Amino acid sequence: MLLIACGIRDELRLRVLIIAATLIYIAYYFTLSTGPLLEPIITSALMVGVNLWVPSQIVLERTTLRLSDDEKKLFDAFETLTPGQFRRILKIAKWARADDPEGTLLTREDTPSEALIYIFEGIVSVEKKGRQFRLPDGNFVGEVAFVLNRKTTKTSVAPEGVRYVEWDSSELRRLSAKYPNLGNALNALLTRDLARKLNASYRPDDAMPATTESRELLESVDA
């Protein structure tokens, strides 16, 4: 079994075979006619313990176990990331709810990018070069500025009650540099999100005239 394990590339299967082989060794040491050999039994038991801990980490890397319902819903939006990669960015994510009756400013047009934001629940008011529209949940805010590392391209305001998830841009870039595969997967996701927005071009009924409540909301934040 140990020889077979050495020939397997999949780490989870390798660990399972090592554990099984080590348990057989322990059974052998217990049943010797001269009596149990305690030293190899203890050593083998330690090996089993270590090899049990590692597969548990592998399982967490490959599954959504121990994620809350909201976290699982968020993971569904990060379709290019593996569960393990998602857990890494989840550690630095900040969950927030807009609680200002006059609206919470998320991004301001033509200012340095400080955060990448995902609209988790609700509709955000957006203004870009004088044009206003609504951005529903399931979309990113600040993705262009994050990917290109430049100033934001639009002003975004979350009305009271909107839930969103926020990542500090600098911290997220450091994480992406530390784990290049994660960085590539994240950039692919954001590029796909941007392409989807450009392809949809936003329906006419998403446009908001300057006399609507969204204009008042944006102006109140500017004030």
C-alpha atoms as a PDB file:
ATOM      1  CA  MET A   1       0.000   0.000   0.000  1.00  0.00           C
ATOM      2  CA  LEU A   2       2.878   2.361   0.707  1.00  0.00           C
ATOM      3  CA  LEU A   3       4.425   1.548  -2.665  1.00  0.00           C
ATOM      4  CA  ILE A   4       1.111   2.267  -4.395  1.00  0.00           C
ATOM      5  CA  ALA A   5       0.811   5.529  -2.473  1.00  0.00           C
ATOM      6  CA  CYS A   6       4.235   6.639  -3.693  1.00  0.00           C
ATOM      7  CA  GLY A   7       3.045   6.208  -7.269  1.00  0.00           C
ATOM      8  CA  ILE A   8      -0.089   8.338  -6.891  1.00  0.00           C
ATOM      9  CA  ARG A   9      -0.030  12.036  -7.786  1.00  0.00           C
ATOM     10  CA  ASP A  10      -3.318  12.986  -6.155  1.00  0.00           C
ATOM     11  CA  GLU A  11      -2.358  14.081  -2.644  1.00  0.00           C
ATOM     12  CA  LEU A  12      -5.645  13.184  -0.990  1.00  0.00           C
ATOM     13  CA  ARG A  13      -5.567   9.584  -2.246  1.00  0.00           C
ATOM     14  CA  LEU A  14      -1.899   9.338  -1.338  1.00  0.00           C
ATOM     15  CA  ARG A  15      -2.607  10.388   2.249  1.00  0.00           C
ATOM     16  CA  VAL A  16      -5.521   7.970   2.580  1.00  0.00           C
ATOM     17  CA  LEU A  17      -3.338   5.050   1.465  1.00  0.00           C
ATOM     18  CA  ILE A  18      -0.553   6.050   3.866  1.00  0.00           C
ATOM     19  CA  ILE A  19      -3.049   6.148   6.746  1.00  0.00           C
ATOM     20  CA  ALA A  20      -4.439   2.732   5.821  1.00  0.00           C
ATOM     21  CA  ALA A  21      -0.945   1.223   5.553  1.00  0.00           C
ATOM     22  CA  THR A  22       0.111   2.758   8.879  1.00  0.00           C
ATOM     23  CA  LEU A  23      -2.988   1.388  10.640  1.00  0.00           C
ATOM     24  CA  ILE A  24      -2.040  -2.080   9.398  1.00  0.00           C
ATOM     25  CA  TYR A  25       1.450  -1.570  10.859  1.00  0.00           C
ATOM     26  CA  ILE A  26      -0.090  -0.588  14.195  1.00  0.00           C
ATOM     27  CA  ALA A  27      -2.272  -3.709  14.193  1.00  0.00           C
ATOM     28  CA  TYR A  28       0.804  -5.814  13.461  1.00  0.00           C
ATOM     29  CA  TYR A  29       2.784  -4.240  16.328  1.00  0.00           C
ATOM     30  CA  PHE A  30      -0.119  -4.935  18.698  1.00  0.00           C
ATOM     31  CA  THR A  31      -0.441  -8.624  17.785  1.00  0.00           C
ATOM     32  CA  LEU A  32       3.198  -9.742  18.019  1.00  0.00           C
ATOM     33  CA  SER A  33       3.665 -12.917  20.049  1.00  0.00           C
ATOM     34  CA  THR A  34       6.312 -11.146  22.137  1.00  0.00           C
ATOM     35  CA  GLY A  35       3.849  -8.428  23.091  1.00  0.00           C
ATOM     36  CA  PRO A  36       2.984  -4.982  21.742  1.00  0.00           C
ATOM     37  CA  LEU A  37       5.882  -2.778  20.639  1.00  0.00           C
ATOM     38  CA  LEU A  38       4.959   0.577  22.147  1.00  0.00           C
ATOM     39  CA  GLU A  39       7.604   2.762  20.495  1.00  0.00           C
ATOM     40  CA  PRO A  40       6.653   1.957  16.865  1.00  0.00           C
ATOM     41  CA  ILE A  41       2.954   2.048  17.832  1.00  0.00           C
ATOM     42  CA  ILE A  42       3.337   5.598  19.200  1.00  0.00           C
ATOM     43  CA  THR A  43       5.403   6.690  16.194  1.00  0.00           C
ATOM     44  CA  SER A  44       2.877   5.219  13.757  1.00  0.00           C
ATOM     45  CA  ALA A  45      -0.017   6.828  15.641  1.00  0.00           C
ATOM     46  CA  LEU A  46       1.692  10.213  15.294  1.00  0.00           C
ATOM     47  CA  MET A  47       2.076   9.602  11.569  1.00  0.00           C
ATOM     48  CA  VAL A  48      -1.638   8.822  11.319  1.00  0.00           C
ATOM     49  CA  GLY A  49      -2.456  12.034  13.181  1.00  0.00           C
ATOM     50  CA  VAL A  50      -0.368  14.172  10.847  1.00  0.00           C
ATOM     51  CA  ASN A  51      -1.756  12.467   7.766  1.00  0.00           C
ATOM     52  CA  LEU A  52      -5.308  12.971   9.041  1.00  0.00           C
ATOM     53  CA  TRP A  53      -4.741  16.690   9.541  1.00  0.00           C
ATOM     54  CA  VAL A  54      -3.345  17.261   6.048  1.00  0.00           C
ATOM     55  CA  PRO A  55      -6.307  15.641   4.205  1.00  0.00           C
ATOM     56  CA  SER A  56      -8.683  17.765   6.254  1.00  0.00           C
ATOM     57  CA  GLN A  57      -6.935  20.848   4.870  1.00  0.00           C
ATOM     58  CA  ILE A  58      -7.091  19.400   1.356  1.00  0.00           C
ATOM     59  CA  VAL A  59     -10.829  18.799   1.718  1.00  0.00           C
ATOM     60  CA  LEU A  60     -11.315  22.406   2.814  1.00  0.00           C
ATOM     61  CA  GLU A  61      -9.313  23.526  -0.237  1.00  0.00           C
ATOM     62  CA  ARG A  62     -11.589  21.561  -2.554  1.00  0.00           C
ATOM     63  CA  THR A  63     -15.043  21.943  -1.002  1.00  0.00           C
ATOM     64  CA  THR A  64     -17.328  24.594   0.484  1.00  0.00           C
ATOM     65  CA  LEU A  65     -17.576  22.849   3.847  1.00  0.00           C
ATOM     66  CA  ARG A  66     -17.918  25.174   6.854  1.00  0.00           C
ATOM     67  CA  LEU A  67     -18.996  28.111   4.696  1.00  0.00           C
ATOM     68  CA  SER A  68     -22.130  29.977   5.775  1.00  0.00           C
ATOM     69  CA  ASP A  69     -25.088  30.344   3.415  1.00  0.00           C
ATOM     70  CA  ASP A  70     -24.055  33.906   2.547  1.00  0.00           C
ATOM     71  CA  GLU A  71     -20.474  32.811   1.938  1.00  0.00           C
ATOM     72  CA  LYS A  72     -21.649  29.986  -0.336  1.00  0.00           C
ATOM     73  CA  LYS A  73     -23.811  32.446  -2.257  1.00  0.00           C
ATOM     74  CA  LEU A  74     -20.799  34.736  -2.629  1.00  0.00           C
ATOM     75  CA  PHE A  75     -18.636  31.809  -3.760  1.00  0.00           C
ATOM     76  CA  ASP A  76     -21.096  31.099  -6.575  1.00  0.00           C
ATOM     77  CA  ALA A  77     -20.276  34.552  -7.950  1.00  0.00           C
ATOM     78  CA  PHE A  78     -16.540  33.795  -7.936  1.00  0.00           C
ATOM     79  CA  GLU A  79     -16.864  31.087 -10.563  1.00  0.00           C
ATOM     80  CA  THR A  80     -13.222  31.215 -11.702  1.00  0.00           C
ATOM     81  CA  LEU A  81     -11.836  30.586  -8.206  1.00  0.00           C
ATOM     82  CA  THR A  82     -11.409  27.244  -6.481  1.00  0.00           C
ATOM     83  CA  PRO A  83     -12.844  26.845  -2.955  1.00  0.00           C
ATOM     84  CA  GLY A  84      -9.334  27.156  -1.537  1.00  0.00           C
ATOM     85  CA  GLN A  85      -8.635  30.378  -3.426  1.00  0.00           C
ATOM     86  CA  PHE A  86     -12.006  31.742  -2.388  1.00  0.00           C
ATOM     87  CA  ARG A  87     -11.258  31.036   1.283  1.00  0.00           C
ATOM     88  CA  ARG A  88      -8.094  33.135   1.001  1.00  0.00           C
ATOM     89  CA  ILE A  89      -9.881  36.214  -0.289  1.00  0.00           C
ATOM     90  CA  LEU A  90     -12.737  35.590   2.137  1.00  0.00           C
ATOM     91  CA  LYS A  91     -10.324  36.076   5.044  1.00  0.00           C
ATOM     92  CA  ILE A  92      -9.705  39.692   4.040  1.00  0.00           C
ATOM     93  CA  ALA A  93     -13.288  40.471   2.963  1.00  0.00           C
ATOM     94  CA  LYS A  94     -15.405  42.984   4.880  1.00  0.00           C
ATOM     95  CA  TRP A  95     -19.158  42.480   4.922  1.00  0.00           C
ATOM     96  CA  ALA A  96     -21.100  45.706   5.196  1.00  0.00           C
ATOM     97  CA  ARG A  97     -24.592  47.170   5.024  1.00  0.00           C
ATOM     98  CA  ALA A  98     -25.304  50.730   3.899  1.00  0.00           C
ATOM     99  CA  ASP A  99     -26.875  52.403   6.941  1.00  0.00           C
ATOM    100  CA  ASP A 100     -26.836  56.074   5.939  1.00  0.00           C
ATOM    101  CA  PRO A 101     -30.371  57.263   5.001  1.00  0.00           C
ATOM    102  CA  GLU A 102     -28.799  59.659   2.494  1.00  0.00           C
ATOM    103  CA  GLY A 103     -26.736  56.906   0.873  1.00  0.00           C
ATOM    104  CA  THR A 104     -23.273  55.431   1.422  1.00  0.00           C
ATOM    105  CA  LEU A 105     -20.587  56.499  -1.036  1.00  0.00           C
ATOM    106  CA  LEU A 106     -18.786  53.451  -2.433  1.00  0.00           C
ATOM    107  CA  THR A 107     -16.638  55.014  -5.164  1.00  0.00           C
ATOM    108  CA  ARG A 108     -16.126  58.514  -6.556  1.00  0.00           C
ATOM    109  CA  GLU A 109     -15.354  59.060 -10.218  1.00  0.00           C
ATOM    110  CA  ASP A 110     -11.765  59.938 -11.135  1.00  0.00           C
ATOM    111  CA  THR A 111     -10.308  59.289  -7.666  1.00  0.00           C
ATOM    112  CA  PRO A 112      -7.655  56.727  -6.675  1.00  0.00           C
ATOM    113  CA  SER A 113      -8.956  53.188  -6.313  1.00  0.00           C
ATOM    114  CA  GLU A 114      -8.977  51.973  -2.721  1.00  0.00           C
ATOM    115  CA  ALA A 115     -11.411  49.052  -2.757  1.00  0.00           C
ATOM    116  CA  LEU A 116     -13.013  46.361  -4.856  1.00  0.00           C
ATOM    117  CA  ILE A 117     -16.702  45.994  -4.001  1.00  0.00           C
ATOM    118  CA  TYR A 118     -19.269  43.306  -4.776  1.00  0.00           C
ATOM    119  CA  ILE A 119     -22.958  44.186  -4.507  1.00  0.00           C
ATOM    120  CA  PHE A 120     -24.370  41.315  -2.490  1.00  0.00           C
ATOM    121  CA  GLU A 121     -27.965  42.455  -2.045  1.00  0.00           C
ATOM    122  CA  GLY A 122     -29.788  45.519  -3.339  1.00  0.00           C
ATOM    123  CA  ILE A 123     -29.410  48.092  -6.116  1.00  0.00           C
ATOM    124  CA  VAL A 124     -26.704  50.760  -6.279  1.00  0.00           C
ATOM    125  CA  SER A 125     -27.016  54.169  -7.951  1.00  0.00           C
ATOM    126  CA  VAL A 126     -24.184  54.875 -10.381  1.00  0.00           C
ATOM    127  CA  GLU A 127     -23.143  57.965 -12.296  1.00  0.00           C
ATOM    128  CA  LYS A 128     -20.531  57.923 -15.070  1.00  0.00           C
ATOM    129  CA  LYS A 129     -19.721  61.001 -17.143  1.00  0.00           C
ATOM    130  CA  GLY A 130     -23.113  62.525 -16.385  1.00  0.00           C
ATOM    131  CA  ARG A 131     -25.099  59.398 -17.168  1.00  0.00           C
ATOM    132  CA  GLN A 132     -26.948  57.651 -14.371  1.00  0.00           C
ATOM    133  CA  PHE A 133     -28.133  54.072 -14.106  1.00  0.00           C
ATOM    134  CA  ARG A 134     -28.925  51.369 -11.582  1.00  0.00           C
ATOM    135  CA  LEU A 135     -26.505  48.550 -10.848  1.00  0.00           C
ATOM    136  CA  PRO A 136     -28.204  45.495  -9.272  1.00  0.00           C
ATOM    137  CA  ASP A 137     -26.707  42.919  -6.953  1.00  0.00           C
ATOM    138  CA  GLY A 138     -24.391  40.375  -8.494  1.00  0.00           C
ATOM    139  CA  ASN A 139     -22.085  43.049  -9.933  1.00  0.00           C
ATOM    140  CA  PHE A 140     -18.690  44.401  -8.984  1.00  0.00           C
ATOM    141  CA  VAL A 141     -17.925  48.065  -8.366  1.00  0.00           C
ATOM    142  CA  GLY A 142     -14.416  49.374  -8.921  1.00  0.00           C
ATOM    143  CA  GLU A 143     -13.307  46.383 -10.982  1.00  0.00           C
ATOM    144  CA  VAL A 144     -11.790  48.452 -13.816  1.00  0.00           C
ATOM    145  CA  ALA A 145      -9.760  50.551 -11.396  1.00  0.00           C
ATOM    146  CA  PHE A 146      -8.585  47.425  -9.574  1.00  0.00           C
ATOM    147  CA  VAL A 147      -7.529  45.463 -12.672  1.00  0.00           C
ATOM    148  CA  LEU A 148      -5.801  48.435 -14.345  1.00  0.00           C
ATOM    149  CA  ASN A 149      -4.586  49.963 -11.063  1.00  0.00           C
ATOM    150  CA  ARG A 150      -5.874  53.410 -11.955  1.00  0.00           C
ATOM    151  CA  LYS A 151      -8.505  55.920 -10.805  1.00  0.00           C
ATOM    152  CA  THR A 152     -12.138  54.872 -10.536  1.00  0.00           C
ATOM    153  CA  THR A 153     -14.365  55.401 -13.576  1.00  0.00           C
ATOM    154  CA  LYS A 154     -17.702  56.119 -11.878  1.00  0.00           C
ATOM    155  CA  THR A 155     -19.399  57.401  -8.735  1.00  0.00           C
ATOM    156  CA  SER A 156     -21.383  54.739  -6.910  1.00  0.00           C
ATOM    157  CA  VAL A 157     -23.779  55.253  -4.005  1.00  0.00           C
ATOM    158  CA  ALA A 158     -25.482  52.488  -2.018  1.00  0.00           C
ATOM    159  CA  PRO A 159     -28.955  53.416  -0.695  1.00  0.00           C
ATOM    160  CA  GLU A 160     -29.797  52.436   2.865  1.00  0.00           C
ATOM    161  CA  GLY A 161     -30.164  48.685   3.314  1.00  0.00           C
ATOM    162  CA  VAL A 162     -27.877  47.601   0.477  1.00  0.00           C
ATOM    163  CA  ARG A 163     -25.481  44.809   1.475  1.00  0.00           C
ATOM    164  CA  TYR A 164     -22.048  44.633  -0.086  1.00  0.00           C
ATOM    165  CA  VAL A 165     -18.663  42.964   0.341  1.00  0.00           C
ATOM    166  CA  GLU A 166     -15.495  45.044   0.236  1.00  0.00           C
ATOM    167  CA  TRP A 167     -11.815  44.237  -0.238  1.00  0.00           C
ATOM    168  CA  ASP A 168      -8.954  46.648   0.306  1.00  0.00           C
ATOM    169  CA  SER A 169      -7.304  46.955  -3.130  1.00  0.00           C
ATOM    170  CA  SER A 170      -3.733  47.000  -1.816  1.00  0.00           C
ATOM    171  CA  GLU A 171      -4.280  43.973   0.397  1.00  0.00           C
ATOM    172  CA  LEU A 172      -5.988  42.076  -2.411  1.00  0.00           C
ATOM    173  CA  ARG A 173      -3.128  42.864  -4.805  1.00  0.00           C
ATOM    174  CA  ARG A 174      -0.592  41.602  -2.263  1.00  0.00           C
ATOM    175  CA  LEU A 175      -2.556  38.379  -1.917  1.00  0.00           C
ATOM    176  CA  SER A 176      -2.734  38.017  -5.712  1.00  0.00           C
ATOM    177  CA  ALA A 177       1.040  38.528  -5.960  1.00  0.00           C
ATOM    178  CA  LYS A 178       1.657  35.922  -3.273  1.00  0.00           C
ATOM    179  CA  TYR A 179      -0.613  33.392  -5.018  1.00  0.00           C
ATOM    180  CA  PRO A 180      -0.263  33.993  -8.792  1.00  0.00           C
ATOM    181  CA  ASN A 181      -2.903  31.400  -9.697  1.00  0.00           C
ATOM    182  CA  LEU A 182      -5.382  33.192  -7.472  1.00  0.00           C
ATOM    183  CA  GLY A 183      -4.465  36.523  -9.060  1.00  0.00           C
ATOM    184  CA  ASN A 184      -4.970  35.125 -12.556  1.00  0.00           C
ATOM    185  CA  ALA A 185      -8.328  33.619 -11.605  1.00  0.00           C
ATOM    186  CA  LEU A 186      -9.478  36.884 -10.007  1.00  0.00           C
ATOM    187  CA  ASN A 187      -8.449  38.966 -13.027  1.00  0.00           C
ATOM    188  CA  ALA A 188     -10.246  36.513 -15.307  1.00  0.00           C
ATOM    189  CA  LEU A 189     -13.386  36.880 -13.195  1.00  0.00           C
ATOM    190  CA  LEU A 190     -13.300  40.678 -13.212  1.00  0.00           C
ATOM    191  CA  THR A 191     -12.561  40.799 -16.937  1.00  0.00           C
ATOM    192  CA  ARG A 192     -15.518  38.495 -17.541  1.00  0.00           C
ATOM    193  CA  ASP A 193     -17.713  40.712 -15.359  1.00  0.00           C
ATOM    194  CA  LEU A 194     -16.679  43.795 -17.324  1.00  0.00           C
ATOM    195  CA  ALA A 195     -17.248  42.040 -20.671  1.00  0.00           C
ATOM    196  CA  ARG A 196     -20.722  41.000 -19.525  1.00  0.00           C
ATOM    197  CA  LYS A 197     -21.560  44.599 -18.612  1.00  0.00           C
ATOM    198  CA  LEU A 198     -20.312  45.895 -21.958  1.00  0.00           C
ATOM    199  CA  ASN A 199     -22.213  43.215 -23.832  1.00  0.00           C
ATOM    200  CA  ALA A 200     -25.441  43.957 -21.968  1.00  0.00           C
ATOM    201  CA  SER A 201     -24.934  47.715 -22.459  1.00  0.00           C
ATOM    202  CA  TYR A 202     -27.608  48.201 -19.783  1.00  0.00           C
ATOM    203  CA  ARG A 203     -31.234  48.286 -20.852  1.00  0.00           C
ATOM    204  CA  PRO A 204     -32.924  51.679 -21.421  1.00  0.00           C
ATOM    205  CA  ASP A 205     -35.075  51.196 -18.342  1.00  0.00           C
ATOM    206  CA  ASP A 206     -31.892  51.072 -16.265  1.00  0.00           C
ATOM    207  CA  ALA A 207     -31.099  54.657 -17.236  1.00  0.00           C
ATOM    208  CA  MET A 208     -32.096  57.237 -14.666  1.00  0.00           C
ATOM    209  CA  PRO A 209     -32.905  60.864 -15.607  1.00  0.00           C
ATOM    210  CA  ALA A 210     -31.340  63.673 -13.645  1.00  0.00           C
ATOM    211  CA  THR A 211     -34.639  64.479 -11.921  1.00  0.00           C
ATOM    212  CA  THR A 212     -34.990  61.088 -10.220  1.00  0.00           C
ATOM    213  CA  GLU A 213     -34.266  60.214  -6.615  1.00  0.00           C
ATOM    214  CA  SER A 214     -30.888  58.802  -7.618  1.00  0.00           C
ATOM    215  CA  ARG A 215     -29.716  62.290  -8.645  1.00  0.00           C
ATOM    216  CA  GLU A 216     -30.768  63.613  -5.242  1.00  0.00           C
ATOM    217  CA  LEU A 217     -28.992  60.683  -3.609  1.00  0.00           C
ATOM    218  CA  LEU A 218     -25.743  61.381  -5.444  1.00  0.00           C
ATOM    219  CA  GLU A 219     -25.972  65.117  -4.843  1.00  0.00           C
ATOM    220  CA  SER A 220     -26.551  64.605  -1.120  1.00  0.00           C
ATOM    221  CA  VAL A 221     -23.331  62.580  -0.923  1.00  0.00           C
ATOM    222  CA  ASP A 222     -21.416  65.253  -2.865  1.00  0.00           C
ATOM    223  CA  ALA A 223     -22.716  67.880  -0.482  1.00  0.00           C
END
